[in-house]
Amino acid sequence: MYPDDPTVPNMKYTFQQAFAEILPHNVPEFFWSGRPPANWSFAVPGWDVTTVDYAVALATGKAPLSEKLTLRRIANGRLGTPRSPFTVNKYLADRW
């Protein structure tokens, strides 16, 4: 959304590539959030995003990632809410 700054070298590794490697392993259910299956938030045409095959293909760069999956959507989604299992469990672990 911003013009390229010619004084700053472009990164070869993108946020989308990082998401593709990290999310399938850590929170695969993130891909099928929403009402199943036609309204899944991050559905990918031609792929069943609920399968291990998709997660592996995604993590190895052989499957596409939904263009709807952005850093903002992740930050505003379940992973960033105080009621998420991760947040609650991390809070409890820190207090232990």
PDB file of N, CA and C in Angstrom:
ATOM      1  N   MET A   1       0.814  -1.200   0.000  1.00  0.00           N
ATOM      2  CA  MET A   1       0.000   0.000   0.000  1.00  0.00           C
ATOM      3  C   MET A   1       0.857   1.264   0.000  1.00  0.00           C
ATOM      4  N   TYR A   2       2.134   1.125   0.202  1.00  0.00           N
ATOM      5  CA  TYR A   2       3.010   2.282   0.239  1.00  0.00           C
ATOM      6  C   TYR A   2       3.994   2.208  -0.920  1.00  0.00           C
ATOM      7  N   PRO A   3       4.432   3.351  -1.411  1.00  0.00           N
ATOM      8  CA  PRO A   3       5.406   3.318  -2.514  1.00  0.00           C
ATOM      9  C   PRO A   3       6.730   2.718  -2.049  1.00  0.00           C
ATOM     10  N   ASP A   4       7.378   2.032  -2.956  1.00  0.00           N
ATOM     11  CA  ASP A   4       8.664   1.419  -2.662  1.00  0.00           C
ATOM     12  C   ASP A   4       9.699   2.502  -2.416  1.00  0.00           C
ATOM     13  N   ASP A   5      10.511   2.345  -1.385  1.00  0.00           N
ATOM     14  CA  ASP A   5      11.585   3.298  -1.082  1.00  0.00           C
ATOM     15  C   ASP A   5      12.863   2.755  -1.696  1.00  0.00           C
ATOM     16  N   PRO A   6      13.373   3.396  -2.739  1.00  0.00           N
ATOM     17  CA  PRO A   6      14.561   2.875  -3.425  1.00  0.00           C
ATOM     18  C   PRO A   6      15.822   2.902  -2.567  1.00  0.00           C
ATOM     19  N   THR A   7      15.788   3.607  -1.433  1.00  0.00           N
ATOM     20  CA  THR A   7      16.970   3.664  -0.572  1.00  0.00           C
ATOM     21  C   THR A   7      17.039   2.493   0.405  1.00  0.00           C
ATOM     22  N   VAL A   8      15.955   1.713   0.477  1.00  0.00           N
ATOM     23  CA  VAL A   8      15.904   0.575   1.392  1.00  0.00           C
ATOM     24  C   VAL A   8      15.830  -0.704   0.567  1.00  0.00           C
ATOM     25  N   PRO A   9      16.765  -1.641   0.790  1.00  0.00           N
ATOM     26  CA  PRO A   9      16.720  -2.888   0.022  1.00  0.00           C
ATOM     27  C   PRO A   9      15.442  -3.663   0.303  1.00  0.00           C
ATOM     28  N   ASN A  10      14.864  -4.240  -0.735  1.00  0.00           N
ATOM     29  CA  ASN A  10      13.659  -5.043  -0.575  1.00  0.00           C
ATOM     30  C   ASN A  10      14.002  -6.376   0.085  1.00  0.00           C
ATOM     31  N   MET A  11      13.132  -6.799   0.997  1.00  0.00           N
ATOM     32  CA  MET A  11      13.321  -8.094   1.645  1.00  0.00           C
ATOM     33  C   MET A  11      12.975  -9.206   0.672  1.00  0.00           C
ATOM     34  N   LYS A  12      13.682 -10.293   0.775  1.00  0.00           N
ATOM     35  CA  LYS A  12      13.377 -11.444  -0.047  1.00  0.00           C
ATOM     36  C   LYS A  12      12.403 -12.381   0.682  1.00  0.00           C
ATOM     37  N   TYR A  13      12.345 -12.288   1.984  1.00  0.00           N
ATOM     38  CA  TYR A  13      11.473 -13.126   2.809  1.00  0.00           C
ATOM     39  C   TYR A  13      10.298 -12.266   3.267  1.00  0.00           C
ATOM     40  N   THR A  14       9.076 -12.712   3.012  1.00  0.00           N
ATOM     41  CA  THR A  14       7.899 -11.902   3.296  1.00  0.00           C
ATOM     42  C   THR A  14       7.163 -12.382   4.545  1.00  0.00           C
ATOM     43  N   PHE A  15       6.267 -11.534   5.038  1.00  0.00           N
ATOM     44  CA  PHE A  15       5.417 -11.932   6.152  1.00  0.00           C
ATOM     45  C   PHE A  15       4.575 -13.137   5.747  1.00  0.00           C
ATOM     46  N   GLN A  16       4.077 -13.150   4.508  1.00  0.00           N
ATOM     47  CA  GLN A  16       3.260 -14.268   4.051  1.00  0.00           C
ATOM     48  C   GLN A  16       4.048 -15.577   4.122  1.00  0.00           C
ATOM     49  N   GLN A  17       5.311 -15.547   3.771  1.00  0.00           N
ATOM     50  CA  GLN A  17       6.136 -16.750   3.857  1.00  0.00           C
ATOM     51  C   GLN A  17       6.315 -17.179   5.308  1.00  0.00           C
ATOM     52  N   ALA A  18       6.489 -16.229   6.197  1.00  0.00           N
ATOM     53  CA  ALA A  18       6.619 -16.554   7.621  1.00  0.00           C
ATOM     54  C   ALA A  18       5.319 -17.160   8.154  1.00  0.00           C
ATOM     55  N   PHE A  19       4.170 -16.564   7.784  1.00  0.00           N
ATOM     56  CA  PHE A  19       2.880 -17.120   8.195  1.00  0.00           C
ATOM     57  C   PHE A  19       2.745 -18.550   7.710  1.00  0.00           C
ATOM     58  N   ALA A  20       3.128 -18.780   6.461  1.00  0.00           N
ATOM     59  CA  ALA A  20       2.985 -20.105   5.845  1.00  0.00           C
ATOM     60  C   ALA A  20       3.815 -21.154   6.573  1.00  0.00           C
ATOM     61  N   GLU A  21       4.922 -20.757   7.147  1.00  0.00           N
ATOM     62  CA  GLU A  21       5.772 -21.698   7.879  1.00  0.00           C
ATOM     63  C   GLU A  21       5.322 -21.891   9.320  1.00  0.00           C
ATOM     64  N   ILE A  22       4.865 -20.835   9.956  1.00  0.00           N
ATOM     65  CA  ILE A  22       4.587 -20.874  11.390  1.00  0.00           C
ATOM     66  C   ILE A  22       3.161 -21.315  11.720  1.00  0.00           C
ATOM     67  N   LEU A  23       2.172 -20.742  11.062  1.00  0.00           N
ATOM     68  CA  LEU A  23       0.782 -21.006  11.437  1.00  0.00           C
ATOM     69  C   LEU A  23       0.350 -22.462  11.279  1.00  0.00           C
ATOM     70  N   PRO A  24       0.706 -23.164  10.198  1.00  0.00           N
ATOM     71  CA  PRO A  24       0.250 -24.559  10.087  1.00  0.00           C
ATOM     72  C   PRO A  24       0.729 -25.436  11.235  1.00  0.00           C
ATOM     73  N   HIS A  25       1.887 -25.153  11.747  1.00  0.00           N
ATOM     74  CA  HIS A  25       2.455 -25.966  12.831  1.00  0.00           C
ATOM     75  C   HIS A  25       1.882 -25.565  14.188  1.00  0.00           C
ATOM     76  N   ASN A  26       1.759 -24.268  14.416  1.00  0.00           N
ATOM     77  CA  ASN A  26       1.370 -23.777  15.733  1.00  0.00           C
ATOM     78  C   ASN A  26      -0.132 -23.607  15.950  1.00  0.00           C
ATOM     79  N   VAL A  27      -0.844 -23.130  14.952  1.00  0.00           N
ATOM     80  CA  VAL A  27      -2.290 -22.914  15.085  1.00  0.00           C
ATOM     81  C   VAL A  27      -3.002 -23.233  13.771  1.00  0.00           C
ATOM     82  N   PRO A  28      -3.001 -24.507  13.364  1.00  0.00           N
ATOM     83  CA  PRO A  28      -3.606 -24.840  12.073  1.00  0.00           C
ATOM     84  C   PRO A  28      -5.089 -24.496  11.999  1.00  0.00           C
ATOM     85  N   GLU A  29      -5.777 -24.494  13.137  1.00  0.00           N
ATOM     86  CA  GLU A  29      -7.203 -24.169  13.133  1.00  0.00           C
ATOM     87  C   GLU A  29      -7.479 -22.728  12.718  1.00  0.00           C
ATOM     88  N   PHE A  30      -6.461 -21.895  12.722  1.00  0.00           N
ATOM     89  CA  PHE A  30      -6.620 -20.506  12.299  1.00  0.00           C
ATOM     90  C   PHE A  30      -7.108 -20.424  10.856  1.00  0.00           C
ATOM     91  N   PHE A  31      -6.734 -21.388  10.019  1.00  0.00           N
ATOM     92  CA  PHE A  31      -7.102 -21.351   8.605  1.00  0.00           C
ATOM     93  C   PHE A  31      -8.576 -21.610   8.376  1.00  0.00           C
ATOM     94  N   TRP A  32      -9.233 -22.307   9.267  1.00  0.00           N
ATOM     95  CA  TRP A  32     -10.636 -22.582   9.052  1.00  0.00           C
ATOM     96  C   TRP A  32     -11.524 -21.895  10.091  1.00  0.00           C
ATOM     97  N   SER A  33     -11.108 -20.722  10.542  1.00  0.00           N
ATOM     98  CA  SER A  33     -11.971 -19.965  11.445  1.00  0.00           C
ATOM     99  C   SER A  33     -13.179 -19.452  10.659  1.00  0.00           C
ATOM    100  N   GLY A  34     -14.258 -19.241  11.324  1.00  0.00           N
ATOM    101  CA  GLY A  34     -15.500 -18.828  10.668  1.00  0.00           C
ATOM    102  C   GLY A  34     -16.438 -20.010  10.541  1.00  0.00           C
ATOM    103  N   ARG A  35     -17.526 -19.821   9.852  1.00  0.00           N
ATOM    104  CA  ARG A  35     -18.507 -20.895   9.679  1.00  0.00           C
ATOM    105  C   ARG A  35     -18.071 -21.841   8.573  1.00  0.00           C
ATOM    106  N   PRO A  36     -18.017 -23.127   8.866  1.00  0.00           N
ATOM    107  CA  PRO A  36     -17.507 -24.095   7.891  1.00  0.00           C
ATOM    108  C   PRO A  36     -18.498 -24.380   6.779  1.00  0.00           C
ATOM    109  N   PRO A  37     -17.987 -24.973   5.710  1.00  0.00           N
ATOM    110  CA  PRO A  37     -16.674 -24.695   5.145  1.00  0.00           C
ATOM    111  C   PRO A  37     -16.731 -23.563   4.136  1.00  0.00           C
ATOM    112  N   ALA A  38     -17.920 -23.240   3.647  1.00  0.00           N
ATOM    113  CA  ALA A  38     -18.013 -22.228   2.585  1.00  0.00           C
ATOM    114  C   ALA A  38     -17.601 -20.844   3.054  1.00  0.00           C
ATOM    115  N   ASN A  39     -17.720 -20.576   4.323  1.00  0.00           N
ATOM    116  CA  ASN A  39     -17.411 -19.236   4.831  1.00  0.00           C
ATOM    117  C   ASN A  39     -16.130 -19.171   5.645  1.00  0.00           C
ATOM    118  N   TRP A  40     -15.270 -20.163   5.486  1.00  0.00           N
ATOM    119  CA  TRP A  40     -14.015 -20.102   6.231  1.00  0.00           C
ATOM    120  C   TRP A  40     -13.273 -18.829   5.857  1.00  0.00           C
ATOM    121  N   SER A  41     -12.733 -18.200   6.852  1.00  0.00           N
ATOM    122  CA  SER A  41     -12.068 -16.914   6.632  1.00  0.00           C
ATOM    123  C   SER A  41     -10.901 -17.006   5.671  1.00  0.00           C
ATOM    124  N   PHE A  42     -10.146 -18.099   5.726  1.00  0.00           N
ATOM    125  CA  PHE A  42      -8.918 -18.182   4.934  1.00  0.00           C
ATOM    126  C   PHE A  42      -8.914 -19.393   4.004  1.00  0.00           C
ATOM    127  N   ALA A  43     -10.071 -19.692   3.433  1.00  0.00           N
ATOM    128  CA  ALA A  43     -10.178 -20.802   2.484  1.00  0.00           C
ATOM    129  C   ALA A  43      -9.303 -20.524   1.258  1.00  0.00           C
ATOM    130  N   VAL A  44      -8.818 -21.596   0.662  1.00  0.00           N
ATOM    131  CA  VAL A  44      -7.989 -21.506  -0.544  1.00  0.00           C
ATOM    132  C   VAL A  44      -8.630 -22.403  -1.603  1.00  0.00           C
ATOM    133  N   PRO A  45      -9.034 -21.831  -2.742  1.00  0.00           N
ATOM    134  CA  PRO A  45      -9.674 -22.652  -3.783  1.00  0.00           C
ATOM    135  C   PRO A  45      -8.789 -23.832  -4.186  1.00  0.00           C
ATOM    136  N   GLY A  46      -9.418 -25.000  -4.237  1.00  0.00           N
ATOM    137  CA  GLY A  46      -8.700 -26.205  -4.647  1.00  0.00           C
ATOM    138  C   GLY A  46      -7.965 -26.911  -3.529  1.00  0.00           C
ATOM    139  N   TRP A  47      -8.032 -26.396  -2.320  1.00  0.00           N
ATOM    140  CA  TRP A  47      -7.340 -26.998  -1.183  1.00  0.00           C
ATOM    141  C   TRP A  47      -8.303 -27.181  -0.023  1.00  0.00           C
ATOM    142  N   ASP A  48      -8.137 -28.274   0.703  1.00  0.00           N
ATOM    143  CA  ASP A  48      -8.853 -28.477   1.953  1.00  0.00           C
ATOM    144  C   ASP A  48      -7.924 -28.012   3.059  1.00  0.00           C
ATOM    145  N   VAL A  49      -8.162 -26.801   3.555  1.00  0.00           N
ATOM    146  CA  VAL A  49      -7.247 -26.192   4.519  1.00  0.00           C
ATOM    147  C   VAL A  49      -7.282 -26.850   5.893  1.00  0.00           C
ATOM    148  N   THR A  50      -8.140 -27.850   6.072  1.00  0.00           N
ATOM    149  CA  THR A  50      -8.212 -28.548   7.358  1.00  0.00           C
ATOM    150  C   THR A  50      -7.294 -29.761   7.409  1.00  0.00           C
ATOM    151  N   THR A  51      -6.613 -30.061   6.321  1.00  0.00           N
ATOM    152  CA  THR A  51      -5.813 -31.284   6.269  1.00  0.00           C
ATOM    153  C   THR A  51      -4.345 -31.053   6.587  1.00  0.00           C
ATOM    154  N   VAL A  52      -3.725 -32.120   7.049  1.00  0.00           N
ATOM    155  CA  VAL A  52      -2.281 -32.092   7.278  1.00  0.00           C
ATOM    156  C   VAL A  52      -1.549 -31.904   5.955  1.00  0.00           C
ATOM    157  N   ASP A  53      -2.094 -32.491   4.882  1.00  0.00           N
ATOM    158  CA  ASP A  53      -1.469 -32.337   3.566  1.00  0.00           C
ATOM    159  C   ASP A  53      -1.368 -30.865   3.175  1.00  0.00           C
ATOM    160  N   TYR A  54      -2.440 -30.097   3.434  1.00  0.00           N
ATOM    161  CA  TYR A  54      -2.385 -28.667   3.120  1.00  0.00           C
ATOM    162  C   TYR A  54      -1.343 -27.967   3.992  1.00  0.00           C
ATOM    163  N   ALA A  55      -1.346 -28.272   5.286  1.00  0.00           N
ATOM    164  CA  ALA A  55      -0.395 -27.623   6.201  1.00  0.00           C
ATOM    165  C   ALA A  55       1.046 -27.883   5.777  1.00  0.00           C
ATOM    166  N   VAL A  56       1.340 -29.120   5.403  1.00  0.00           N
ATOM    167  CA  VAL A  56       2.702 -29.467   4.970  1.00  0.00           C
ATOM    168  C   VAL A  56       3.026 -28.775   3.651  1.00  0.00           C
ATOM    169  N   ALA A  57       2.093 -28.821   2.708  1.00  0.00           N
ATOM    170  CA  ALA A  57       2.328 -28.174   1.416  1.00  0.00           C
ATOM    171  C   ALA A  57       2.513 -26.666   1.595  1.00  0.00           C
ATOM    172  N   LEU A  58       1.737 -26.069   2.468  1.00  0.00           N
ATOM    173  CA  LEU A  58       1.865 -24.638   2.735  1.00  0.00           C
ATOM    174  C   LEU A  58       3.222 -24.318   3.348  1.00  0.00           C
ATOM    175  N   ALA A  59       3.600 -25.072   4.352  1.00  0.00           N
ATOM    176  CA  ALA A  59       4.866 -24.819   5.047  1.00  0.00           C
ATOM    177  C   ALA A  59       6.090 -25.040   4.164  1.00  0.00           C
ATOM    178  N   THR A  60       5.932 -25.852   3.118  1.00  0.00           N
ATOM    179  CA  THR A  60       7.067 -26.116   2.221  1.00  0.00           C
ATOM    180  C   THR A  60       6.982 -25.317   0.927  1.00  0.00           C
ATOM    181  N   GLY A  61       6.057 -24.370   0.875  1.00  0.00           N
ATOM    182  CA  GLY A  61       5.953 -23.494  -0.286  1.00  0.00           C
ATOM    183  C   GLY A  61       5.280 -24.118  -1.492  1.00  0.00           C
ATOM    184  N   LYS A  62       4.534 -25.211  -1.290  1.00  0.00           N
ATOM    185  CA  LYS A  62       3.896 -25.895  -2.411  1.00  0.00           C
ATOM    186  C   LYS A  62       2.391 -25.650  -2.482  1.00  0.00           C
ATOM    187  N   ALA A  63       1.854 -24.893  -1.542  1.00  0.00           N
ATOM    188  CA  ALA A  63       0.436 -24.545  -1.546  1.00  0.00           C
ATOM    189  C   ALA A  63       0.317 -23.042  -1.307  1.00  0.00           C
ATOM    190  N   PRO A  64      -0.709 -22.440  -1.860  1.00  0.00           N
ATOM    191  CA  PRO A  64      -0.891 -21.001  -1.661  1.00  0.00           C
ATOM    192  C   PRO A  64      -1.486 -20.686  -0.293  1.00  0.00           C
ATOM    193  N   LEU A  65      -1.275 -19.480   0.134  1.00  0.00           N
ATOM    194  CA  LEU A  65      -1.843 -18.955   1.369  1.00  0.00           C
ATOM    195  C   LEU A  65      -2.949 -17.987   0.968  1.00  0.00           C
ATOM    196  N   SER A  66      -4.036 -17.977   1.683  1.00  0.00           N
ATOM    197  CA  SER A  66      -5.115 -17.048   1.378  1.00  0.00           C
ATOM    198  C   SER A  66      -4.600 -15.613   1.419  1.00  0.00           C
ATOM    199  N   GLU A  67      -4.985 -14.838   0.436  1.00  0.00           N
ATOM    200  CA  GLU A  67      -4.580 -13.427   0.402  1.00  0.00           C
ATOM    201  C   GLU A  67      -5.255 -12.631   1.509  1.00  0.00           C
ATOM    202  N   LYS A  68      -6.307 -13.186   2.096  1.00  0.00           N
ATOM    203  CA  LYS A  68      -7.009 -12.518   3.193  1.00  0.00           C
ATOM    204  C   LYS A  68      -6.240 -12.597   4.504  1.00  0.00           C
ATOM    205  N   LEU A  69      -5.266 -13.492   4.569  1.00  0.00           N
ATOM    206  CA  LEU A  69      -4.496 -13.663   5.795  1.00  0.00           C
ATOM    207  C   LEU A  69      -3.390 -12.617   5.836  1.00  0.00           C
ATOM    208  N   THR A  70      -3.559 -11.647   6.718  1.00  0.00           N
ATOM    209  CA  THR A  70      -2.594 -10.558   6.853  1.00  0.00           C
ATOM    210  C   THR A  70      -2.183 -10.426   8.312  1.00  0.00           C
ATOM    211  N   LEU A  71      -1.126  -9.690   8.545  1.00  0.00           N
ATOM    212  CA  LEU A  71      -0.663  -9.454   9.911  1.00  0.00           C
ATOM    213  C   LEU A  71      -1.765  -8.780  10.728  1.00  0.00           C
ATOM    214  N   ARG A  72      -2.471  -7.851  10.128  1.00  0.00           N
ATOM    215  CA  ARG A  72      -3.557  -7.161  10.834  1.00  0.00           C
ATOM    216  C   ARG A  72      -4.669  -8.138  11.221  1.00  0.00           C
ATOM    217  N   ARG A  73      -5.028  -9.057  10.329  1.00  0.00           N
ATOM    218  CA  ARG A  73      -6.086 -10.031  10.640  1.00  0.00           C
ATOM    219  C   ARG A  73      -5.639 -10.960  11.766  1.00  0.00           C
ATOM    220  N   ILE A  74      -4.362 -11.319  11.782  1.00  0.00           N
ATOM    221  CA  ILE A  74      -3.860 -12.181  12.851  1.00  0.00           C
ATOM    222  C   ILE A  74      -3.867 -11.428  14.178  1.00  0.00           C
ATOM    223  N   ALA A  75      -3.386 -10.193  14.165  1.00  0.00           N
ATOM    224  CA  ALA A  75      -3.315  -9.397  15.390  1.00  0.00           C
ATOM    225  C   ALA A  75      -4.702  -9.105  15.954  1.00  0.00           C
ATOM    226  N   ASN A  76      -5.689  -8.934  15.089  1.00  0.00           N
ATOM    227  CA  ASN A  76      -7.045  -8.633  15.542  1.00  0.00           C
ATOM    228  C   ASN A  76      -7.887  -9.883  15.752  1.00  0.00           C
ATOM    229  N   GLY A  77      -7.330 -11.032  15.409  1.00  0.00           N
ATOM    230  CA  GLY A  77      -8.083 -12.282  15.499  1.00  0.00           C
ATOM    231  C   GLY A  77      -7.965 -12.941  16.849  1.00  0.00           C
ATOM    232  N   ARG A  78      -8.279 -14.221  16.867  1.00  0.00           N
ATOM    233  CA  ARG A  78      -8.305 -14.990  18.110  1.00  0.00           C
ATOM    234  C   ARG A  78      -6.963 -15.019  18.816  1.00  0.00           C
ATOM    235  N   LEU A  79      -5.860 -14.935  18.066  1.00  0.00           N
ATOM    236  CA  LEU A  79      -4.554 -15.040  18.723  1.00  0.00           C
ATOM    237  C   LEU A  79      -4.264 -13.837  19.596  1.00  0.00           C
ATOM    238  N   GLY A  80      -4.912 -12.724  19.333  1.00  0.00           N
ATOM    239  CA  GLY A  80      -4.632 -11.517  20.094  1.00  0.00           C
ATOM    240  C   GLY A  80      -5.677 -11.184  21.131  1.00  0.00           C
ATOM    241  N   THR A  81      -6.692 -12.012  21.295  1.00  0.00           N
ATOM    242  CA  THR A  81      -7.754 -11.684  22.236  1.00  0.00           C
ATOM    243  C   THR A  81      -7.421 -12.215  23.623  1.00  0.00           C
ATOM    244  N   PRO A  82      -7.861 -11.507  24.647  1.00  0.00           N
ATOM    245  CA  PRO A  82      -7.573 -11.955  26.016  1.00  0.00           C
ATOM    246  C   PRO A  82      -8.205 -13.305  26.338  1.00  0.00           C
ATOM    247  N   ARG A  83      -9.252 -13.704  25.615  1.00  0.00           N
ATOM    248  CA  ARG A  83      -9.933 -14.951  25.917  1.00  0.00           C
ATOM    249  C   ARG A  83      -9.378 -16.138  25.148  1.00  0.00           C
ATOM    250  N   SER A  84      -8.385 -15.949  24.319  1.00  0.00           N
ATOM    251  CA  SER A  84      -7.876 -17.075  23.543  1.00  0.00           C
ATOM    252  C   SER A  84      -7.163 -18.066  24.471  1.00  0.00           C
ATOM    253  N   PRO A  85      -7.205 -19.368  24.126  1.00  0.00           N
ATOM    254  CA  PRO A  85      -6.522 -20.358  24.970  1.00  0.00           C
ATOM    255  C   PRO A  85      -5.037 -20.049  25.133  1.00  0.00           C
ATOM    256  N   PHE A  86      -4.391 -19.573  24.084  1.00  0.00           N
ATOM    257  CA  PHE A  86      -2.972 -19.251  24.187  1.00  0.00           C
ATOM    258  C   PHE A  86      -2.736 -18.171  25.226  1.00  0.00           C
ATOM    259  N   THR A  87      -3.495 -17.084  25.135  1.00  0.00           N
ATOM    260  CA  THR A  87      -3.290 -15.959  26.045  1.00  0.00           C
ATOM    261  C   THR A  87      -3.542 -16.375  27.487  1.00  0.00           C
ATOM    262  N   VAL A  88      -4.619 -17.093  27.721  1.00  0.00           N
ATOM    263  CA  VAL A  88      -4.946 -17.546  29.078  1.00  0.00           C
ATOM    264  C   VAL A  88      -3.866 -18.493  29.591  1.00  0.00           C
ATOM    265  N   ASN A  89      -3.479 -19.477  28.797  1.00  0.00           N
ATOM    266  CA  ASN A  89      -2.460 -20.437  29.235  1.00  0.00           C
ATOM    267  C   ASN A  89      -1.112 -19.770  29.459  1.00  0.00           C
ATOM    268  N   LYS A  90      -0.749 -18.806  28.617  1.00  0.00           N
ATOM    269  CA  LYS A  90       0.514 -18.092  28.827  1.00  0.00           C
ATOM    270  C   LYS A  90       0.462 -17.297  30.129  1.00  0.00           C
ATOM    271  N   TYR A  91      -0.659 -16.641  30.363  1.00  0.00           N
ATOM    272  CA  TYR A  91      -0.834 -15.891  31.612  1.00  0.00           C
ATOM    273  C   TYR A  91      -0.665 -16.825  32.821  1.00  0.00           C
ATOM    274  N   LEU A  92      -1.332 -17.960  32.779  1.00  0.00           N
ATOM    275  CA  LEU A  92      -1.239 -18.899  33.900  1.00  0.00           C
ATOM    276  C   LEU A  92       0.172 -19.450  34.057  1.00  0.00           C
ATOM    277  N   ALA A  93       0.836 -19.754  32.954  1.00  0.00           N
ATOM    278  CA  ALA A  93       2.219 -20.256  33.016  1.00  0.00           C
ATOM    279  C   ALA A  93       3.154 -19.198  33.602  1.00  0.00           C
ATOM    280  N   ASP A  94       2.960 -17.940  33.223  1.00  0.00           N
ATOM    281  CA  ASP A  94       3.804 -16.871  33.752  1.00  0.00           C
ATOM    282  C   ASP A  94       3.604 -16.685  35.254  1.00  0.00           C
ATOM    283  N   ARG A  95       2.412 -16.945  35.731  1.00  0.00           N
ATOM    284  CA  ARG A  95       2.124 -16.786  37.156  1.00  0.00           C
ATOM    285  C   ARG A  95       2.603 -17.961  37.980  1.00  0.00           C
ATOM    286  N   TRP A  96       2.847 -19.102  37.334  1.00  0.00           N
ATOM    287  CA  TRP A  96       3.268 -20.307  38.038  1.00  0.00           C
ATOM    288  C   TRP A  96       4.620 -20.111  38.550  1.00  0.00           C
TER     289      TRP A  96
END
